[in-house]
Structure formats: C-alpha cells, structure tokens
Amino acid sequence: MARVKPTAKKLRLAKAGRESQSVPTWVIARTDGKVRMNPKSRRNWRTSKIKP
C-alpha cells in the first residue's frame, strides 16, 4: 500500500482500528459474561478489505 494515503482512507482505517478493539473487562463483568466478543474484531487485514 502507498505510504502517502488519502485523508479519507486514513480516517476509515483509523475507525476500523478503533472498532476492532476487544470488549472492556467492565462490560463483561456487567453483563455476567454474556457479552464477550466484539463482532467487528473478526476482520483480518489480509482476508477482508475496507472500502477503498
């Protein structure tokens, strides 16, 4: 990928990086372990791409 990215693409990549974080411990504790996984954290950089 190019080193110099368009700003819009950079913002999309940053948003995807924030969304892919794991669920906080206090959320798991508050929901009695029912919420453990973040559905958006399954995206892999090689298999599924973000909109260009």
Protein backbone atom coordinates (compact mmCIF):
# COMPACT_ATOMS: atom_id res chain seq x y z
CA MET A 1 0.00 0.00 0.00
CA ALA A 2 1.16 3.52 -0.64
CA ARG A 3 2.91 5.33 2.15
CA VAL A 4 1.08 8.58 1.45
CA LYS A 5 -2.62 7.79 1.84
CA PRO A 6 -5.64 9.99 1.09
CA THR A 7 -7.10 11.54 4.23
CA ALA A 8 -10.48 9.85 3.78
CA LYS A 9 -8.91 6.40 3.55
CA LYS A 10 -6.70 7.15 6.55
CA LEU A 11 -9.78 8.09 8.59
CA ARG A 12 -11.57 4.87 7.57
CA LEU A 13 -8.54 2.79 8.54
CA ALA A 14 -8.31 4.57 11.91
CA LYS A 15 -12.01 3.96 12.58
CA ALA A 16 -11.65 0.28 11.73
CA GLY A 17 -8.68 0.07 14.09
CA ARG A 18 -10.70 1.58 16.92
CA GLU A 19 -13.67 -0.70 16.25
CA SER A 20 -11.53 -3.82 16.30
CA GLN A 21 -10.57 -3.42 19.95
CA SER A 22 -11.63 -6.07 22.43
CA VAL A 23 -14.60 -5.65 24.76
CA PRO A 24 -13.65 -3.91 28.05
CA THR A 25 -13.47 -6.04 31.19
CA TRP A 26 -16.12 -3.98 32.97
CA VAL A 27 -18.62 -4.71 30.16
CA ILE A 28 -18.02 -8.45 30.53
CA ALA A 29 -18.50 -8.13 34.30
CA ARG A 30 -21.65 -6.00 34.00
CA THR A 31 -23.33 -8.39 31.56
CA ASP A 32 -22.33 -11.50 33.57
CA GLY A 33 -20.17 -12.77 30.73
CA LYS A 34 -22.92 -12.68 28.10
CA VAL A 35 -21.04 -10.08 26.04
CA ARG A 36 -17.52 -11.37 25.47
CA MET A 37 -16.69 -10.82 21.80
CA ASN A 38 -16.71 -7.74 19.65
CA PRO A 39 -18.39 -8.70 16.34
CA LYS A 40 -16.22 -6.24 14.40
CA SER A 41 -12.95 -7.60 15.79
CA ARG A 42 -13.03 -10.62 13.45
CA ARG A 43 -11.83 -8.63 10.46
CA ASN A 44 -8.38 -9.64 9.27
CA TRP A 45 -6.14 -7.30 7.32
CA ARG A 46 -5.45 -9.90 4.66
CA THR A 47 -8.82 -11.60 4.15
CA SER A 48 -11.43 -8.85 4.26
CA LYS A 49 -10.73 -5.37 2.98
CA ILE A 50 -12.16 -1.99 3.98
CA LYS A 51 -13.90 0.12 1.37
CA PRO A 52 -11.18 1.99 -0.59
